[in-house]
């Protein structure tokens, strides 16, 4: 099934070409085999990046760093210990709550 120009994003889509648009959308998500998966940085690289970008004060990024380290340690931990640490991280994430409301520009924007 080929996709006509009308079915591409940004152009009007005729009502009878829904299947073609869906096929195009699925194909757009696929990456060439030569590219392979995107590597995940290890916790040391992530820590260095956060430090260089003055992001060590952002609690959601520190939690990401913690999860990165936990992912690396998974094989050396028992199942119960790993689960406990994931649950602890989840509880900390939930405690972050909506601390950012009213501070969006300060915390998430460049300013």
N, C-alpha and C. Protein backbone atom coordinates (compact mmCIF):
# COMPACT_ATOMS: atom_id res chain seq x y z
N UNK A 1 0.85 -1.17 0.00
CA UNK A 1 0.00 0.00 0.00
C UNK A 1 0.89 1.23 0.00
N UNK A 2 0.71 2.11 -0.94
CA UNK A 2 1.55 3.30 -0.98
C UNK A 2 0.76 4.48 -0.44
N UNK A 3 1.50 5.47 -0.02
CA UNK A 3 0.89 6.66 0.57
C UNK A 3 0.93 7.78 -0.44
N UNK A 4 -0.21 8.34 -0.72
CA UNK A 4 -0.26 9.45 -1.67
C UNK A 4 0.19 10.73 -0.98
N UNK A 5 0.49 11.74 -1.76
CA UNK A 5 0.90 13.03 -1.21
C UNK A 5 -0.16 13.60 -0.28
N UNK A 6 -1.42 13.36 -0.58
CA UNK A 6 -2.48 13.91 0.25
C UNK A 6 -2.46 13.31 1.65
N UNK A 7 -1.93 12.12 1.79
CA UNK A 7 -1.93 11.45 3.08
C UNK A 7 -0.75 11.82 3.97
N UNK A 8 0.17 12.59 3.48
CA UNK A 8 1.33 12.98 4.28
C UNK A 8 0.96 14.08 5.25
N UNK A 9 1.70 14.14 6.35
CA UNK A 9 1.44 15.15 7.38
C UNK A 9 1.54 16.54 6.79
N UNK A 10 0.66 17.41 7.21
CA UNK A 10 0.68 18.79 6.74
C UNK A 10 -0.21 19.03 5.55
N UNK A 11 -0.63 17.98 4.86
CA UNK A 11 -1.51 18.12 3.71
C UNK A 11 -2.88 17.56 4.07
N UNK A 12 -3.94 18.05 3.45
CA UNK A 12 -5.27 17.52 3.74
C UNK A 12 -5.33 16.02 3.44
N UNK A 13 -6.01 15.27 4.29
CA UNK A 13 -6.13 13.83 4.13
C UNK A 13 -7.54 13.48 3.70
N UNK A 14 -7.69 12.86 2.55
CA UNK A 14 -9.02 12.45 2.13
C UNK A 14 -9.56 11.39 3.09
N UNK A 15 -10.88 11.37 3.36
CA UNK A 15 -11.46 10.46 4.33
C UNK A 15 -11.17 8.99 4.05
N UNK A 16 -11.00 8.59 2.80
CA UNK A 16 -10.81 7.17 2.48
C UNK A 16 -9.36 6.72 2.62
N UNK A 17 -8.47 7.56 3.07
CA UNK A 17 -7.06 7.18 3.12
C UNK A 17 -6.57 6.98 4.56
N UNK A 18 -7.48 6.72 5.50
CA UNK A 18 -7.08 6.51 6.90
C UNK A 18 -6.07 5.38 7.05
N UNK A 19 -6.29 4.28 6.39
CA UNK A 19 -5.37 3.14 6.49
C UNK A 19 -4.00 3.52 5.97
N UNK A 20 -3.96 4.30 4.91
CA UNK A 20 -2.68 4.72 4.35
C UNK A 20 -1.94 5.62 5.32
N UNK A 21 -2.64 6.53 5.99
CA UNK A 21 -2.00 7.43 6.94
C UNK A 21 -1.47 6.63 8.13
N UNK A 22 -2.25 5.66 8.59
CA UNK A 22 -1.80 4.82 9.70
C UNK A 22 -0.53 4.07 9.31
N UNK A 23 -0.51 3.51 8.12
CA UNK A 23 0.66 2.79 7.66
C UNK A 23 1.85 3.74 7.60
N UNK A 24 1.65 4.93 7.09
CA UNK A 24 2.72 5.92 7.02
C UNK A 24 3.21 6.26 8.42
N UNK A 25 2.29 6.42 9.38
CA UNK A 25 2.68 6.76 10.75
C UNK A 25 3.53 5.67 11.36
N UNK A 26 3.16 4.42 11.15
CA UNK A 26 3.94 3.30 11.68
C UNK A 26 5.31 3.28 11.03
N UNK A 27 5.38 3.47 9.74
CA UNK A 27 6.67 3.47 9.05
C UNK A 27 7.56 4.61 9.51
N UNK A 28 6.96 5.74 9.87
CA UNK A 28 7.74 6.88 10.33
C UNK A 28 8.42 6.60 11.66
N UNK A 29 7.85 5.69 12.46
CA UNK A 29 8.43 5.37 13.75
C UNK A 29 9.60 4.40 13.64
N UNK A 30 9.70 3.71 12.54
CA UNK A 30 10.78 2.74 12.37
C UNK A 30 12.05 3.47 11.97
N UNK A 31 13.17 2.99 12.52
CA UNK A 31 14.45 3.59 12.17
C UNK A 31 15.22 2.63 11.29
N UNK A 32 16.11 3.16 10.47
CA UNK A 32 16.92 2.27 9.63
C UNK A 32 17.73 1.32 10.50
N UNK A 33 17.90 0.10 10.03
CA UNK A 33 18.63 -0.93 10.79
C UNK A 33 20.06 -0.50 11.08
N UNK A 34 20.65 0.30 10.21
CA UNK A 34 22.04 0.69 10.39
C UNK A 34 22.22 1.63 11.58
N UNK A 35 21.14 2.30 12.01
CA UNK A 35 21.26 3.23 13.12
C UNK A 35 21.31 2.50 14.46
N UNK A 36 20.58 1.42 14.62
CA UNK A 36 20.57 0.64 15.86
C UNK A 36 19.91 1.41 17.00
N UNK A 37 19.91 0.81 18.19
CA UNK A 37 19.28 1.45 19.33
C UNK A 37 20.12 2.62 19.84
N UNK A 38 19.46 3.57 20.46
CA UNK A 38 20.15 4.71 21.02
C UNK A 38 20.75 4.27 22.36
N UNK A 39 22.05 4.45 22.55
CA UNK A 39 22.67 4.00 23.79
C UNK A 39 22.23 4.87 24.97
N UNK A 40 22.10 4.24 26.13
CA UNK A 40 21.75 4.95 27.35
C UNK A 40 23.06 5.32 28.05
N UNK A 41 23.21 6.58 28.47
CA UNK A 41 24.46 6.93 29.16
C UNK A 41 24.54 6.25 30.51
N UNK A 42 25.75 5.93 30.95
CA UNK A 42 25.90 5.35 32.29
C UNK A 42 25.75 6.47 33.33
N UNK A 43 25.68 6.10 34.59
CA UNK A 43 25.42 7.09 35.62
C UNK A 43 26.54 8.13 35.72
N UNK A 44 27.78 7.73 35.44
CA UNK A 44 28.88 8.68 35.50
C UNK A 44 28.78 9.73 34.40
N UNK A 45 28.45 9.31 33.19
CA UNK A 45 28.27 10.26 32.09
C UNK A 45 27.10 11.20 32.36
N UNK A 46 26.02 10.63 32.88
CA UNK A 46 24.84 11.45 33.18
C UNK A 46 25.16 12.46 34.28
N UNK A 47 25.89 12.04 35.32
CA UNK A 47 26.27 12.95 36.40
C UNK A 47 27.15 14.07 35.87
N UNK A 48 28.09 13.72 35.01
CA UNK A 48 28.97 14.73 34.41
C UNK A 48 28.16 15.74 33.59
N UNK A 49 27.21 15.23 32.81
CA UNK A 49 26.36 16.10 32.00
C UNK A 49 25.54 17.04 32.89
N UNK A 50 24.96 16.49 33.95
CA UNK A 50 24.14 17.32 34.85
C UNK A 50 25.00 18.40 35.51
N UNK A 51 26.21 18.03 35.90
CA UNK A 51 27.11 18.98 36.53
C UNK A 51 27.51 20.09 35.54
N UNK A 52 27.85 19.71 34.33
CA UNK A 52 28.28 20.69 33.32
C UNK A 52 27.15 21.63 32.91
N UNK A 53 25.92 21.17 33.04
CA UNK A 53 24.77 21.99 32.63
C UNK A 53 24.03 22.60 33.82
N UNK A 54 24.70 22.65 34.97
CA UNK A 54 24.15 23.25 36.18
C UNK A 54 22.75 22.72 36.49
N UNK A 55 22.60 21.40 36.42
CA UNK A 55 21.29 20.77 36.61
C UNK A 55 21.23 19.91 37.87
N UNK A 56 22.24 20.02 38.73
CA UNK A 56 22.25 19.19 39.94
C UNK A 56 21.24 19.65 40.98
N UNK A 57 20.61 20.76 40.78
CA UNK A 57 19.60 21.25 41.72
C UNK A 57 18.18 20.87 41.30
N UNK A 58 18.07 20.16 40.20
CA UNK A 58 16.75 19.77 39.70
C UNK A 58 16.45 18.34 40.17
N UNK A 59 15.51 18.22 41.10
CA UNK A 59 15.29 16.92 41.73
C UNK A 59 14.84 15.82 40.78
N UNK A 60 14.11 16.14 39.74
CA UNK A 60 13.67 15.11 38.79
C UNK A 60 14.84 14.55 38.00
N UNK A 61 15.87 15.37 37.78
CA UNK A 61 17.06 14.88 37.08
C UNK A 61 17.95 14.06 38.02
N UNK A 62 17.98 14.43 39.29
CA UNK A 62 18.72 13.63 40.26
C UNK A 62 18.07 12.26 40.42
N UNK A 63 16.75 12.21 40.35
CA UNK A 63 16.06 10.93 40.40
C UNK A 63 16.39 10.09 39.17
N UNK A 64 16.49 10.74 38.02
CA UNK A 64 16.87 10.02 36.81
C UNK A 64 18.29 9.46 36.96
N UNK A 65 19.17 10.21 37.56
CA UNK A 65 20.53 9.74 37.82
C UNK A 65 20.49 8.53 38.76
N UNK A 66 19.69 8.61 39.78
CA UNK A 66 19.54 7.50 40.73
C UNK A 66 19.03 6.24 40.03
N UNK A 67 18.04 6.40 39.17
CA UNK A 67 17.49 5.25 38.44
C UNK A 67 18.51 4.68 37.46
N UNK A 68 19.33 5.54 36.88
CA UNK A 68 20.37 5.08 35.97
C UNK A 68 21.37 4.20 36.73
N UNK A 69 21.74 4.64 37.90
CA UNK A 69 22.69 3.85 38.72
C UNK A 69 22.03 2.53 39.15
N UNK A 70 20.76 2.60 39.53
CA UNK A 70 20.05 1.39 39.94
C UNK A 70 19.97 0.38 38.80
N UNK A 71 19.75 0.88 37.59
CA UNK A 71 19.70 0.00 36.41
C UNK A 71 21.04 -0.72 36.23
N UNK A 72 22.13 -0.01 36.45
CA UNK A 72 23.45 -0.60 36.31
C UNK A 72 23.73 -1.64 37.40
N UNK A 73 23.16 -1.45 38.58
CA UNK A 73 23.41 -2.34 39.71
C UNK A 73 22.42 -3.52 39.77
N UNK A 74 21.43 -3.53 38.91
CA UNK A 74 20.35 -4.51 38.98
C UNK A 74 20.85 -5.95 39.06
N UNK A 75 21.81 -6.31 38.25
CA UNK A 75 22.29 -7.69 38.21
C UNK A 75 23.02 -8.10 39.49
N UNK A 76 23.55 -7.14 40.23
CA UNK A 76 24.29 -7.47 41.45
C UNK A 76 23.41 -7.42 42.70
N UNK A 77 22.15 -7.02 42.54
CA UNK A 77 21.23 -6.94 43.67
C UNK A 77 20.29 -8.13 43.68
N UNK A 78 19.85 -8.52 44.86
CA UNK A 78 18.81 -9.53 44.95
C UNK A 78 17.49 -8.93 44.48
N UNK A 79 16.56 -9.77 44.13
CA UNK A 79 15.27 -9.30 43.62
C UNK A 79 14.55 -8.43 44.64
N UNK A 80 14.58 -8.82 45.92
CA UNK A 80 13.90 -8.05 46.97
C UNK A 80 14.54 -6.67 47.15
N UNK A 81 15.87 -6.63 47.15
CA UNK A 81 16.58 -5.36 47.32
C UNK A 81 16.32 -4.43 46.13
N UNK A 82 16.36 -4.98 44.95
CA UNK A 82 16.09 -4.18 43.74
C UNK A 82 14.68 -3.60 43.80
N UNK A 83 13.71 -4.42 44.13
CA UNK A 83 12.33 -3.97 44.22
C UNK A 83 12.18 -2.89 45.29
N UNK A 84 12.83 -3.07 46.44
CA UNK A 84 12.77 -2.05 47.50
C UNK A 84 13.32 -0.71 47.02
N UNK A 85 14.43 -0.76 46.29
CA UNK A 85 15.04 0.49 45.81
C UNK A 85 14.17 1.16 44.73
N UNK A 86 13.56 0.37 43.88
CA UNK A 86 12.65 0.94 42.88
C UNK A 86 11.46 1.58 43.58
N UNK A 87 10.93 0.91 44.58
CA UNK A 87 9.80 1.46 45.33
C UNK A 87 10.19 2.74 46.06
N UNK A 88 11.39 2.78 46.63
CA UNK A 88 11.87 4.00 47.28
C UNK A 88 11.97 5.15 46.29
N UNK A 89 12.50 4.86 45.13
CA UNK A 89 12.62 5.89 44.09
C UNK A 89 11.24 6.38 43.66
N UNK A 90 10.29 5.46 43.54
CA UNK A 90 8.94 5.84 43.16
C UNK A 90 8.31 6.74 44.22
N UNK A 91 8.49 6.39 45.49
CA UNK A 91 7.96 7.22 46.58
C UNK A 91 8.56 8.62 46.53
N UNK A 92 9.86 8.71 46.30
CA UNK A 92 10.50 10.02 46.20
C UNK A 92 9.96 10.82 45.01
N UNK A 93 9.72 10.14 43.90
CA UNK A 93 9.15 10.81 42.74
C UNK A 93 7.77 11.36 43.07
N UNK A 94 6.96 10.59 43.76
CA UNK A 94 5.62 11.03 44.12
C UNK A 94 5.67 12.20 45.11
N UNK A 95 6.69 12.26 45.94
CA UNK A 95 6.84 13.37 46.88
C UNK A 95 7.17 14.68 46.17
N UNK A 96 7.74 14.57 44.96
CA UNK A 96 8.03 15.79 44.21
C UNK A 96 6.74 16.54 43.92
N UNK A 97 5.67 15.78 43.69
CA UNK A 97 4.35 16.37 43.51
C UNK A 97 4.34 17.50 42.51
N UNK A 98 3.74 18.59 42.91
CA UNK A 98 3.58 19.74 42.02
C UNK A 98 4.38 20.94 42.54
N UNK A 99 5.57 20.66 43.09
CA UNK A 99 6.40 21.74 43.61
C UNK A 99 6.69 22.81 42.56
N UNK A 100 6.59 22.45 41.30
CA UNK A 100 6.98 23.31 40.20
C UNK A 100 5.88 24.30 39.81
N UNK A 101 4.65 24.11 40.25
CA UNK A 101 3.56 25.00 39.83
C UNK A 101 3.86 26.45 40.21
N UNK A 102 3.71 27.31 39.23
CA UNK A 102 4.02 28.71 39.43
C UNK A 102 5.49 29.02 39.21
N UNK A 103 6.31 27.99 39.04
CA UNK A 103 7.75 28.17 38.84
C UNK A 103 8.21 27.54 37.53
N UNK A 104 7.28 27.33 36.61
CA UNK A 104 7.61 26.64 35.36
C UNK A 104 8.77 27.30 34.61
N UNK A 105 8.70 28.63 34.44
CA UNK A 105 9.75 29.32 33.68
C UNK A 105 11.10 29.19 34.38
N UNK A 106 11.09 29.34 35.71
CA UNK A 106 12.32 29.26 36.49
C UNK A 106 12.94 27.86 36.39
N UNK A 107 12.12 26.83 36.50
CA UNK A 107 12.63 25.48 36.58
C UNK A 107 12.83 24.79 35.24
N UNK A 108 11.93 25.05 34.29
CA UNK A 108 11.97 24.32 33.04
C UNK A 108 12.43 25.16 31.85
N UNK A 109 12.36 26.47 31.97
CA UNK A 109 12.72 27.33 30.85
C UNK A 109 14.14 27.82 30.98
N UNK A 110 14.56 28.43 29.96
CA UNK A 110 15.89 29.06 29.96
C UNK A 110 15.67 30.55 30.27
N UNK A 111 16.01 30.97 31.42
CA UNK A 111 15.74 32.37 31.71
C UNK A 111 16.36 32.86 32.87
